[in-house]
Amino acid sequence: MQNKIPSVFRLFRTKPPKGFHYMPRHYDPNKEEMEKRIERIKSEMGLDAQEEEKARREISFRSKMNARWDTTDRSKAIGQANMRLVIILLVLCGLFFAVYMYLDRF
């Protein structure tokens, strides 16, 4: 067996980067809930393919409507909170101005 003499050039060589395997995962609770409801309805009613598709569309429509109603309520609440903030700021500015004018007289 031969002894290898370490090469000077080997010190300056960079190692290739280590690779990795990333598998993204996505969890949609609404979709899982809808699938469970569909399976439950299928087992209760014993639907054929056409009726099954109709039930799936109806459930999908209902979940979309619920999501839309939730966002509408949330955006309305945000708008009301912003309006309340503006009114409070105007009242505070008015009070500050009144105190400033009152202190100016003395």
PDB file of N, CA and C in Angstrom:
ATOM      1  N   MET A   1       0.834  -1.173   0.000  1.00  0.00           N
ATOM      2  CA  MET A   1       0.000   0.000   0.000  1.00  0.00           C
ATOM      3  C   MET A   1       0.879   1.238   0.000  1.00  0.00           C
ATOM      4  N   GLN A   2       0.541   2.134  -0.891  1.00  0.00           N
ATOM      5  CA  GLN A   2       1.355   3.334  -1.007  1.00  0.00           C
ATOM      6  C   GLN A   2       0.797   4.439  -0.118  1.00  0.00           C
ATOM      7  N   ASN A   3       1.708   5.173   0.457  1.00  0.00           N
ATOM      8  CA  ASN A   3       1.297   6.349   1.220  1.00  0.00           C
ATOM      9  C   ASN A   3       1.133   7.509   0.269  1.00  0.00           C
ATOM     10  N   LYS A   4      -0.021   8.147   0.358  1.00  0.00           N
ATOM     11  CA  LYS A   4      -0.252   9.295  -0.517  1.00  0.00           C
ATOM     12  C   LYS A   4       0.229  10.549   0.167  1.00  0.00           C
ATOM     13  N   ILE A   5       0.848  11.362  -0.607  1.00  0.00           N
ATOM     14  CA  ILE A   5       1.286  12.656  -0.095  1.00  0.00           C
ATOM     15  C   ILE A   5       0.115  13.620  -0.284  1.00  0.00           C
ATOM     16  N   PRO A   6      -0.296  14.328   0.786  1.00  0.00           N
ATOM     17  CA  PRO A   6      -1.422  15.247   0.643  1.00  0.00           C
ATOM     18  C   PRO A   6      -1.102  16.357  -0.343  1.00  0.00           C
ATOM     19  N   SER A   7      -2.029  16.602  -1.172  1.00  0.00           N
ATOM     20  CA  SER A   7      -1.843  17.611  -2.202  1.00  0.00           C
ATOM     21  C   SER A   7      -2.161  18.989  -1.624  1.00  0.00           C
ATOM     22  N   VAL A   8      -1.396  19.969  -2.038  1.00  0.00           N
ATOM     23  CA  VAL A   8      -1.625  21.347  -1.595  1.00  0.00           C
ATOM     24  C   VAL A   8      -2.904  21.876  -2.248  1.00  0.00           C
ATOM     25  N   PHE A   9      -3.168  21.442  -3.456  1.00  0.00           N
ATOM     26  CA  PHE A   9      -4.336  21.940  -4.167  1.00  0.00           C
ATOM     27  C   PHE A   9      -5.649  21.411  -3.583  1.00  0.00           C
ATOM     28  N   ARG A  10      -5.589  20.296  -2.896  1.00  0.00           N
ATOM     29  CA  ARG A  10      -6.784  19.733  -2.295  1.00  0.00           C
ATOM     30  C   ARG A  10      -7.328  20.648  -1.190  1.00  0.00           C
ATOM     31  N   LEU A  11      -6.481  21.423  -0.570  1.00  0.00           N
ATOM     32  CA  LEU A  11      -6.904  22.337   0.488  1.00  0.00           C
ATOM     33  C   LEU A  11      -7.804  23.443  -0.048  1.00  0.00           C
ATOM     34  N   PHE A  12      -7.586  23.832  -1.295  1.00  0.00           N
ATOM     35  CA  PHE A  12      -8.345  24.937  -1.870  1.00  0.00           C
ATOM     36  C   PHE A  12      -9.595  24.484  -2.605  1.00  0.00           C
ATOM     37  N   ARG A  13      -9.776  23.187  -2.694  1.00  0.00           N
ATOM     38  CA  ARG A  13     -10.944  22.666  -3.385  1.00  0.00           C
ATOM     39  C   ARG A  13     -12.164  22.751  -2.455  1.00  0.00           C
ATOM     40  N   THR A  14     -13.262  23.225  -2.990  1.00  0.00           N
ATOM     41  CA  THR A  14     -14.487  23.311  -2.178  1.00  0.00           C
ATOM     42  C   THR A  14     -15.320  22.063  -2.386  1.00  0.00           C
ATOM     43  N   LYS A  15     -16.006  21.679  -1.354  1.00  0.00           N
ATOM     44  CA  LYS A  15     -16.870  20.517  -1.435  1.00  0.00           C
ATOM     45  C   LYS A  15     -18.173  20.919  -2.111  1.00  0.00           C
ATOM     46  N   PRO A  16     -18.764  19.999  -2.845  1.00  0.00           N
ATOM     47  CA  PRO A  16     -20.065  20.313  -3.450  1.00  0.00           C
ATOM     48  C   PRO A  16     -21.126  20.458  -2.351  1.00  0.00           C
ATOM     49  N   PRO A  17     -22.102  21.304  -2.575  1.00  0.00           N
ATOM     50  CA  PRO A  17     -23.121  21.507  -1.536  1.00  0.00           C
ATOM     51  C   PRO A  17     -23.950  20.240  -1.313  1.00  0.00           C
ATOM     52  N   LYS A  18     -24.338  20.060  -0.078  1.00  0.00           N
ATOM     53  CA  LYS A  18     -25.183  18.920   0.237  1.00  0.00           C
ATOM     54  C   LYS A  18     -26.588  19.210  -0.257  1.00  0.00           C
ATOM     55  N   GLY A  19     -27.160  18.284  -0.895  1.00  0.00           N
ATOM     56  CA  GLY A  19     -28.529  18.449  -1.374  1.00  0.00           C
ATOM     57  C   GLY A  19     -29.522  18.084  -0.283  1.00  0.00           C
ATOM     58  N   PHE A  20     -30.726  18.473  -0.485  1.00  0.00           N
ATOM     59  CA  PHE A  20     -31.787  18.099   0.439  1.00  0.00           C
ATOM     60  C   PHE A  20     -33.055  17.873  -0.350  1.00  0.00           C
ATOM     61  N   HIS A  21     -33.936  17.122   0.241  1.00  0.00           N
ATOM     62  CA  HIS A  21     -35.207  16.820  -0.407  1.00  0.00           C
ATOM     63  C   HIS A  21     -36.315  17.390   0.460  1.00  0.00           C
ATOM     64  N   TYR A  22     -36.976  18.405  -0.028  1.00  0.00           N
ATOM     65  CA  TYR A  22     -38.068  19.048   0.703  1.00  0.00           C
ATOM     66  C   TYR A  22     -39.384  18.687   0.039  1.00  0.00           C
ATOM     67  N   MET A  23     -40.291  18.138   0.824  1.00  0.00           N
ATOM     68  CA  MET A  23     -41.593  17.783   0.307  1.00  0.00           C
ATOM     69  C   MET A  23     -42.630  18.681   0.979  1.00  0.00           C
ATOM     70  N   PRO A  24     -43.175  19.654   0.264  1.00  0.00           N
ATOM     71  CA  PRO A  24     -44.125  20.555   0.909  1.00  0.00           C
ATOM     72  C   PRO A  24     -45.405  19.830   1.288  1.00  0.00           C
ATOM     73  N   ARG A  25     -45.945  20.212   2.413  1.00  0.00           N
ATOM     74  CA  ARG A  25     -47.194  19.622   2.882  1.00  0.00           C
ATOM     75  C   ARG A  25     -48.212  20.726   3.033  1.00  0.00           C
ATOM     76  N   HIS A  26     -49.437  20.416   2.684  1.00  0.00           N
ATOM     77  CA  HIS A  26     -50.523  21.387   2.809  1.00  0.00           C
ATOM     78  C   HIS A  26     -51.701  20.709   3.468  1.00  0.00           C
ATOM     79  N   TYR A  27     -52.250  21.361   4.470  1.00  0.00           N
ATOM     80  CA  TYR A  27     -53.399  20.823   5.183  1.00  0.00           C
ATOM     81  C   TYR A  27     -54.549  21.798   5.035  1.00  0.00           C
ATOM     82  N   ASP A  28     -55.633  21.330   4.489  1.00  0.00           N
ATOM     83  CA  ASP A  28     -56.817  22.169   4.307  1.00  0.00           C
ATOM     84  C   ASP A  28     -57.950  21.588   5.150  1.00  0.00           C
ATOM     85  N   PRO A  29     -58.221  22.181   6.321  1.00  0.00           N
ATOM     86  CA  PRO A  29     -59.267  21.611   7.189  1.00  0.00           C
ATOM     87  C   PRO A  29     -60.650  21.684   6.558  1.00  0.00           C
ATOM     88  N   ASN A  30     -60.917  22.713   5.746  1.00  0.00           N
ATOM     89  CA  ASN A  30     -62.226  22.822   5.104  1.00  0.00           C
ATOM     90  C   ASN A  30     -62.453  21.673   4.129  1.00  0.00           C
ATOM     91  N   LYS A  31     -61.429  21.338   3.359  1.00  0.00           N
ATOM     92  CA  LYS A  31     -61.555  20.255   2.393  1.00  0.00           C
ATOM     93  C   LYS A  31     -61.749  18.921   3.110  1.00  0.00           C
ATOM     94  N   GLU A  32     -61.006  18.727   4.198  1.00  0.00           N
ATOM     95  CA  GLU A  32     -61.142  17.480   4.945  1.00  0.00           C
ATOM     96  C   GLU A  32     -62.544  17.370   5.549  1.00  0.00           C
ATOM     97  N   GLU A  33     -63.055  18.468   6.082  1.00  0.00           N
ATOM     98  CA  GLU A  33     -64.403  18.472   6.647  1.00  0.00           C
ATOM     99  C   GLU A  33     -65.442  18.165   5.570  1.00  0.00           C
ATOM    100  N   MET A  34     -65.270  18.763   4.395  1.00  0.00           N
ATOM    101  CA  MET A  34     -66.201  18.533   3.301  1.00  0.00           C
ATOM    102  C   MET A  34     -66.169  17.061   2.867  1.00  0.00           C
ATOM    103  N   GLU A  35     -64.968  16.468   2.781  1.00  0.00           N
ATOM    104  CA  GLU A  35     -64.858  15.063   2.392  1.00  0.00           C
ATOM    105  C   GLU A  35     -65.549  14.155   3.413  1.00  0.00           C
ATOM    106  N   LYS A  36     -65.404  14.472   4.699  1.00  0.00           N
ATOM    107  CA  LYS A  36     -66.058  13.660   5.727  1.00  0.00           C
ATOM    108  C   LYS A  36     -67.572  13.748   5.608  1.00  0.00           C
ATOM    109  N   ARG A  37     -68.069  14.970   5.363  1.00  0.00           N
ATOM    110  CA  ARG A  37     -69.517  15.136   5.209  1.00  0.00           C
ATOM    111  C   ARG A  37     -70.032  14.383   3.989  1.00  0.00           C
ATOM    112  N   ILE A  38     -69.274  14.429   2.897  1.00  0.00           N
ATOM    113  CA  ILE A  38     -69.679  13.728   1.675  1.00  0.00           C
ATOM    114  C   ILE A  38     -69.750  12.230   1.929  1.00  0.00           C
ATOM    115  N   GLU A  39     -68.736  11.684   2.602  1.00  0.00           N
ATOM    116  CA  GLU A  39     -68.730  10.252   2.893  1.00  0.00           C
ATOM    117  C   GLU A  39     -69.905   9.871   3.792  1.00  0.00           C
ATOM    118  N   ARG A  40     -70.184  10.719   4.782  1.00  0.00           N
ATOM    119  CA  ARG A  40     -71.302  10.430   5.681  1.00  0.00           C
ATOM    120  C   ARG A  40     -72.629  10.448   4.932  1.00  0.00           C
ATOM    121  N   ILE A  41     -72.805  11.439   4.060  1.00  0.00           N
ATOM    122  CA  ILE A  41     -74.040  11.537   3.278  1.00  0.00           C
ATOM    123  C   ILE A  41     -74.169  10.347   2.339  1.00  0.00           C
ATOM    124  N   LYS A  42     -73.054   9.949   1.711  1.00  0.00           N
ATOM    125  CA  LYS A  42     -73.079   8.786   0.808  1.00  0.00           C
ATOM    126  C   LYS A  42     -73.511   7.536   1.553  1.00  0.00           C
ATOM    127  N   SER A  43     -72.940   7.352   2.746  1.00  0.00           N
ATOM    128  CA  SER A  43     -73.287   6.135   3.486  1.00  0.00           C
ATOM    129  C   SER A  43     -74.740   6.167   3.962  1.00  0.00           C
ATOM    130  N   GLU A  44     -75.260   7.350   4.294  1.00  0.00           N
ATOM    131  CA  GLU A  44     -76.643   7.447   4.755  1.00  0.00           C
ATOM    132  C   GLU A  44     -77.645   7.257   3.623  1.00  0.00           C
ATOM    133  N   MET A  45     -77.350   7.811   2.462  1.00  0.00           N
ATOM    134  CA  MET A  45     -78.336   7.848   1.390  1.00  0.00           C
ATOM    135  C   MET A  45     -78.098   6.817   0.298  1.00  0.00           C
ATOM    136  N   GLY A  46     -76.907   6.297   0.184  1.00  0.00           N
ATOM    137  CA  GLY A  46     -76.621   5.351  -0.883  1.00  0.00           C
ATOM    138  C   GLY A  46     -76.818   5.989  -2.254  1.00  0.00           C
ATOM    139  N   LEU A  47     -76.142   7.097  -2.525  1.00  0.00           N
ATOM    140  CA  LEU A  47     -76.331   7.862  -3.762  1.00  0.00           C
ATOM    141  C   LEU A  47     -75.641   7.201  -4.952  1.00  0.00           C
ATOM    142  N   ASP A  48     -76.196   7.436  -6.149  1.00  0.00           N
ATOM    143  CA  ASP A  48     -75.508   7.008  -7.366  1.00  0.00           C
ATOM    144  C   ASP A  48     -74.574   8.133  -7.806  1.00  0.00           C
ATOM    145  N   ALA A  49     -73.873   7.971  -8.926  1.00  0.00           N
ATOM    146  CA  ALA A  49     -72.829   8.910  -9.345  1.00  0.00           C
ATOM    147  C   ALA A  49     -73.380  10.309  -9.612  1.00  0.00           C
ATOM    148  N   GLN A  50     -74.524  10.416 -10.278  1.00  0.00           N
ATOM    149  CA  GLN A  50     -75.078  11.732 -10.616  1.00  0.00           C
ATOM    150  C   GLN A  50     -75.543  12.461  -9.352  1.00  0.00           C
ATOM    151  N   GLU A  51     -76.221  11.748  -8.476  1.00  0.00           N
ATOM    152  CA  GLU A  51     -76.677  12.365  -7.236  1.00  0.00           C
ATOM    153  C   GLU A  51     -75.494  12.722  -6.336  1.00  0.00           C
ATOM    154  N   GLU A  52     -74.452  11.906  -6.396  1.00  0.00           N
ATOM    155  CA  GLU A  52     -73.252  12.175  -5.609  1.00  0.00           C
ATOM    156  C   GLU A  52     -72.596  13.479  -6.057  1.00  0.00           C
ATOM    157  N   GLU A  53     -72.500  13.685  -7.372  1.00  0.00           N
ATOM    158  CA  GLU A  53     -71.910  14.916  -7.905  1.00  0.00           C
ATOM    159  C   GLU A  53     -72.751  16.124  -7.509  1.00  0.00           C
ATOM    160  N   LYS A  54     -74.066  15.979  -7.552  1.00  0.00           N
ATOM    161  CA  LYS A  54     -74.959  17.071  -7.158  1.00  0.00           C
ATOM    162  C   LYS A  54     -74.763  17.416  -5.681  1.00  0.00           C
ATOM    163  N   ALA A  55     -74.663  16.402  -4.831  1.00  0.00           N
ATOM    164  CA  ALA A  55     -74.450  16.638  -3.405  1.00  0.00           C
ATOM    165  C   ALA A  55     -73.096  17.298  -3.166  1.00  0.00           C
ATOM    166  N   ARG A  56     -72.078  16.867  -3.908  1.00  0.00           N
ATOM    167  CA  ARG A  56     -70.746  17.465  -3.769  1.00  0.00           C
ATOM    168  C   ARG A  56     -70.767  18.949  -4.138  1.00  0.00           C
ATOM    169  N   ARG A  57     -71.458  19.296  -5.237  1.00  0.00           N
ATOM    170  CA  ARG A  57     -71.551  20.701  -5.641  1.00  0.00           C
ATOM    171  C   ARG A  57     -72.295  21.529  -4.601  1.00  0.00           C
ATOM    172  N   GLU A  58     -73.353  20.962  -4.038  1.00  0.00           N
ATOM    173  CA  GLU A  58     -74.134  21.686  -3.037  1.00  0.00           C
ATOM    174  C   GLU A  58     -73.302  21.949  -1.785  1.00  0.00           C
ATOM    175  N   ILE A  59     -72.572  20.953  -1.334  1.00  0.00           N
ATOM    176  CA  ILE A  59     -71.738  21.116  -0.143  1.00  0.00           C
ATOM    177  C   ILE A  59     -70.628  22.127  -0.418  1.00  0.00           C
ATOM    178  N   SER A  60     -70.040  22.053  -1.602  1.00  0.00           N
ATOM    179  CA  SER A  60     -68.996  23.007  -1.973  1.00  0.00           C
ATOM    180  C   SER A  60     -69.551  24.426  -2.002  1.00  0.00           C
ATOM    181  N   PHE A  61     -70.736  24.590  -2.562  1.00  0.00           N
ATOM    182  CA  PHE A  61     -71.363  25.912  -2.625  1.00  0.00           C
ATOM    183  C   PHE A  61     -71.616  26.459  -1.221  1.00  0.00           C
ATOM    184  N   ARG A  62     -72.118  25.597  -0.333  1.00  0.00           N
ATOM    185  CA  ARG A  62     -72.402  26.043   1.032  1.00  0.00           C
ATOM    186  C   ARG A  62     -71.122  26.456   1.760  1.00  0.00           C
ATOM    187  N   SER A  63     -70.044  25.670   1.606  1.00  0.00           N
ATOM    188  CA  SER A  63     -68.813  26.053   2.286  1.00  0.00           C
ATOM    189  C   SER A  63     -68.230  27.336   1.738  1.00  0.00           C
ATOM    190  N   LYS A  64     -68.358  27.565   0.418  1.00  0.00           N
ATOM    191  CA  LYS A  64     -67.876  28.825  -0.156  1.00  0.00           C
ATOM    192  C   LYS A  64     -68.695  30.003   0.354  1.00  0.00           C
ATOM    193  N   MET A  65     -70.007  29.813   0.476  1.00  0.00           N
ATOM    194  CA  MET A  65     -70.861  30.887   0.986  1.00  0.00           C
ATOM    195  C   MET A  65     -70.521  31.206   2.443  1.00  0.00           C
ATOM    196  N   ASN A  66     -70.282  30.175   3.246  1.00  0.00           N
ATOM    197  CA  ASN A  66     -69.903  30.410   4.638  1.00  0.00           C
ATOM    198  C   ASN A  66     -68.590  31.172   4.728  1.00  0.00           C
ATOM    199  N   ALA A  67     -67.632  30.821   3.887  1.00  0.00           N
ATOM    200  CA  ALA A  67     -66.348  31.522   3.887  1.00  0.00           C
ATOM    201  C   ALA A  67     -66.538  32.977   3.461  1.00  0.00           C
ATOM    202  N   ARG A  68     -67.378  33.214   2.459  1.00  0.00           N
ATOM    203  CA  ARG A  68     -67.626  34.567   1.983  1.00  0.00           C
ATOM    204  C   ARG A  68     -68.306  35.403   3.065  1.00  0.00           C
ATOM    205  N   TRP A  69     -69.260  34.813   3.766  1.00  0.00           N
ATOM    206  CA  TRP A  69     -69.947  35.547   4.828  1.00  0.00           C
ATOM    207  C   TRP A  69     -68.989  35.883   5.961  1.00  0.00           C
ATOM    208  N   ASP A  70     -68.086  34.963   6.279  1.00  0.00           N
ATOM    209  CA  ASP A  70     -67.115  35.225   7.344  1.00  0.00           C
ATOM    210  C   ASP A  70     -66.210  36.396   6.979  1.00  0.00           C
ATOM    211  N   THR A  71     -65.718  36.442   5.732  1.00  0.00           N
ATOM    212  CA  THR A  71     -64.832  37.544   5.336  1.00  0.00           C
ATOM    213  C   THR A  71     -65.591  38.858   5.281  1.00  0.00           C
ATOM    214  N   THR A  72     -66.875  38.838   4.899  1.00  0.00           N
ATOM    215  CA  THR A  72     -67.659  40.065   4.857  1.00  0.00           C
ATOM    216  C   THR A  72     -67.825  40.615   6.264  1.00  0.00           C
ATOM    217  N   ASP A  73     -68.148  39.775   7.219  1.00  0.00           N
ATOM    218  CA  ASP A  73     -68.299  40.213   8.600  1.00  0.00           C
ATOM    219  C   ASP A  73     -66.989  40.766   9.141  1.00  0.00           C
ATOM    220  N   ARG A  74     -65.898  40.110   8.823  1.00  0.00           N
ATOM    221  CA  ARG A  74     -64.597  40.538   9.314  1.00  0.00           C
ATOM    222  C   ARG A  74     -64.211  41.891   8.721  1.00  0.00           C
ATOM    223  N   SER A  75     -64.442  42.080   7.417  1.00  0.00           N
ATOM    224  CA  SER A  75     -64.075  43.356   6.798  1.00  0.00           C
ATOM    225  C   SER A  75     -64.956  44.488   7.319  1.00  0.00           C
ATOM    226  N   LYS A  76     -66.214  44.187   7.601  1.00  0.00           N
ATOM    227  CA  LYS A  76     -67.097  45.201   8.171  1.00  0.00           C
ATOM    228  C   LYS A  76     -66.608  45.604   9.561  1.00  0.00           C
ATOM    229  N   ALA A  77     -66.190  44.647  10.366  1.00  0.00           N
ATOM    230  CA  ALA A  77     -65.690  44.927  11.707  1.00  0.00           C
ATOM    231  C   ALA A  77     -64.410  45.754  11.645  1.00  0.00           C
ATOM    232  N   ILE A  78     -63.551  45.458  10.685  1.00  0.00           N
ATOM    233  CA  ILE A  78     -62.309  46.222  10.532  1.00  0.00           C
ATOM    234  C   ILE A  78     -62.624  47.663  10.146  1.00  0.00           C
ATOM    235  N   GLY A  79     -63.584  47.849   9.240  1.00  0.00           N
ATOM    236  CA  GLY A  79     -63.978  49.204   8.843  1.00  0.00           C
ATOM    237  C   GLY A  79     -64.549  49.989  10.007  1.00  0.00           C
ATOM    238  N   GLN A  80     -65.358  49.345  10.841  1.00  0.00           N
ATOM    239  CA  GLN A  80     -65.919  50.021  12.011  1.00  0.00           C
ATOM    240  C   GLN A  80     -64.830  50.378  13.011  1.00  0.00           C
ATOM    241  N   ALA A  81     -63.865  49.507  13.195  1.00  0.00           N
ATOM    242  CA  ALA A  81     -62.764  49.784  14.121  1.00  0.00           C
ATOM    243  C   ALA A  81     -61.931  50.959  13.615  1.00  0.00           C
ATOM    244  N   ASN A  82     -61.702  51.027  12.316  1.00  0.00           N
ATOM    245  CA  ASN A  82     -60.946  52.149  11.757  1.00  0.00           C
ATOM    246  C   ASN A  82     -61.699  53.461  11.933  1.00  0.00           C
ATOM    247  N   MET A  83     -63.013  53.449  11.725  1.00  0.00           N
ATOM    248  CA  MET A  83     -63.815  54.656  11.894  1.00  0.00           C
ATOM    249  C   MET A  83     -63.779  55.109  13.355  1.00  0.00           C
ATOM    250  N   ARG A  84     -63.880  54.173  14.278  1.00  0.00           N
ATOM    251  CA  ARG A  84     -63.818  54.487  15.706  1.00  0.00           C
ATOM    252  C   ARG A  84     -62.472  55.123  16.049  1.00  0.00           C
ATOM    253  N   LEU A  85     -61.390  54.620  15.480  1.00  0.00           N
ATOM    254  CA  LEU A  85     -60.056  55.163  15.721  1.00  0.00           C
ATOM    255  C   LEU A  85     -59.947  56.594  15.219  1.00  0.00           C
ATOM    256  N   VAL A  86     -60.484  56.860  14.034  1.00  0.00           N
ATOM    257  CA  VAL A  86     -60.444  58.214  13.478  1.00  0.00           C
ATOM    258  C   VAL A  86     -61.221  59.185  14.374  1.00  0.00           C
ATOM    259  N   ILE A  87     -62.389  58.771  14.851  1.00  0.00           N
ATOM    260  CA  ILE A  87     -63.198  59.633  15.713  1.00  0.00           C
ATOM    261  C   ILE A  87     -62.462  59.916  17.025  1.00  0.00           C
ATOM    262  N   ILE A  88     -61.847  58.899  17.608  1.00  0.00           N
ATOM    263  CA  ILE A  88     -61.099  59.103  18.852  1.00  0.00           C
ATOM    264  C   ILE A  88     -59.944  60.058  18.634  1.00  0.00           C
ATOM    265  N   LEU A  89     -59.234  59.909  17.532  1.00  0.00           N
ATOM    266  CA  LEU A  89     -58.118  60.813  17.234  1.00  0.00           C
ATOM    267  C   LEU A  89     -58.600  62.255  17.047  1.00  0.00           C
ATOM    268  N   LEU A  90     -59.738  62.440  16.367  1.00  0.00           N
ATOM    269  CA  LEU A  90     -60.274  63.792  16.184  1.00  0.00           C
ATOM    270  C   LEU A  90     -60.669  64.414  17.519  1.00  0.00           C
ATOM    271  N   VAL A  91     -61.285  63.642  18.397  1.00  0.00           N
ATOM    272  CA  VAL A  91     -61.666  64.153  19.716  1.00  0.00           C
ATOM    273  C   VAL A  91     -60.423  64.525  20.519  1.00  0.00           C
ATOM    274  N   LEU A  92     -59.399  63.682  20.498  1.00  0.00           N
ATOM    275  CA  LEU A  92     -58.165  63.991  21.224  1.00  0.00           C
ATOM    276  C   LEU A  92     -57.477  65.236  20.674  1.00  0.00           C
ATOM    277  N   CYS A  93     -57.466  65.387  19.352  1.00  0.00           N
ATOM    278  CA  CYS A  93     -56.875  66.590  18.755  1.00  0.00           C
ATOM    279  C   CYS A  93     -57.669  67.831  19.156  1.00  0.00           C
ATOM    280  N   GLY A  94     -58.993  67.722  19.168  1.00  0.00           N
ATOM    281  CA  GLY A  94     -59.833  68.854  19.591  1.00  0.00           C
ATOM    282  C   GLY A  94     -59.589  69.216  21.041  1.00  0.00           C
ATOM    283  N   LEU A  95     -59.470  68.221  21.920  1.00  0.00           N
ATOM    284  CA  LEU A  95     -59.181  68.494  23.327  1.00  0.00           C
ATOM    285  C   LEU A  95     -57.805  69.130  23.501  1.00  0.00           C
ATOM    286  N   PHE A  96     -56.815  68.623  22.772  1.00  0.00           N
ATOM    287  CA  PHE A  96     -55.478  69.197  22.832  1.00  0.00           C
ATOM    288  C   PHE A  96     -55.495  70.660  22.385  1.00  0.00           C
ATOM    289  N   PHE A  97     -56.204  70.949  21.311  1.00  0.00           N
ATOM    290  CA  PHE A  97     -56.292  72.318  20.805  1.00  0.00           C
ATOM    291  C   PHE A  97     -57.002  73.224  21.817  1.00  0.00           C
ATOM    292  N   ALA A  98     -58.089  72.736  22.440  1.00  0.00           N
ATOM    293  CA  ALA A  98     -58.825  73.535  23.427  1.00  0.00           C
ATOM    294  C   ALA A  98     -57.947  73.824  24.641  1.00  0.00           C
ATOM    295  N   VAL A  99     -57.207  72.841  25.127  1.00  0.00           N
ATOM    296  CA  VAL A  99     -56.318  73.056  26.278  1.00  0.00           C
ATOM    297  C   VAL A  99     -55.210  74.017  25.894  1.00  0.00           C
ATOM    298  N   TYR A 100     -54.667  73.892  24.710  1.00  0.00           N
ATOM    299  CA  TYR A 100     -53.598  74.784  24.245  1.00  0.00           C
ATOM    300  C   TYR A 100     -54.095  76.227  24.175  1.00  0.00           C
ATOM    301  N   MET A 101     -55.310  76.432  23.656  1.00  0.00           N
ATOM    302  CA  MET A 101     -55.859  77.795  23.562  1.00  0.00           C
ATOM    303  C   MET A 101     -56.183  78.346  24.963  1.00  0.00           C
ATOM    304  N   TYR A 102     -56.648  77.471  25.872  1.00  0.00           N
ATOM    305  CA  TYR A 102     -56.975  77.908  27.230  1.00  0.00           C
ATOM    306  C   TYR A 102     -55.719  78.304  27.968  1.00  0.00           C
ATOM    307  N   LEU A 103     -54.622  77.556  27.825  1.00  0.00           N
ATOM    308  CA  LEU A 103     -53.363  77.886  28.505  1.00  0.00           C
ATOM    309  C   LEU A 103     -52.728  79.132  27.915  1.00  0.00           C
ATOM    310  N   ASP A 104     -53.029  79.437  26.677  1.00  0.00           N
ATOM    311  CA  ASP A 104     -52.476  80.622  26.039  1.00  0.00           C
ATOM    312  C   ASP A 104     -53.032  81.895  26.665  1.00  0.00           C
ATOM    313  N   ARG A 105     -54.234  81.868  27.240  1.00  0.00           N
ATOM    314  CA  ARG A 105     -54.859  83.046  27.835  1.00  0.00           C
ATOM    315  C   ARG A 105     -54.209  83.404  29.167  1.00  0.00           C
ATOM    316  N   PHE A 106     -53.556  82.492  29.819  1.00  0.00           N
ATOM    317  CA  PHE A 106     -52.944  82.809  31.115  1.00  0.00           C
ATOM    318  C   PHE A 106     -51.513  83.100  30.975  1.00  0.00           C
TER     319      PHE A 106
END
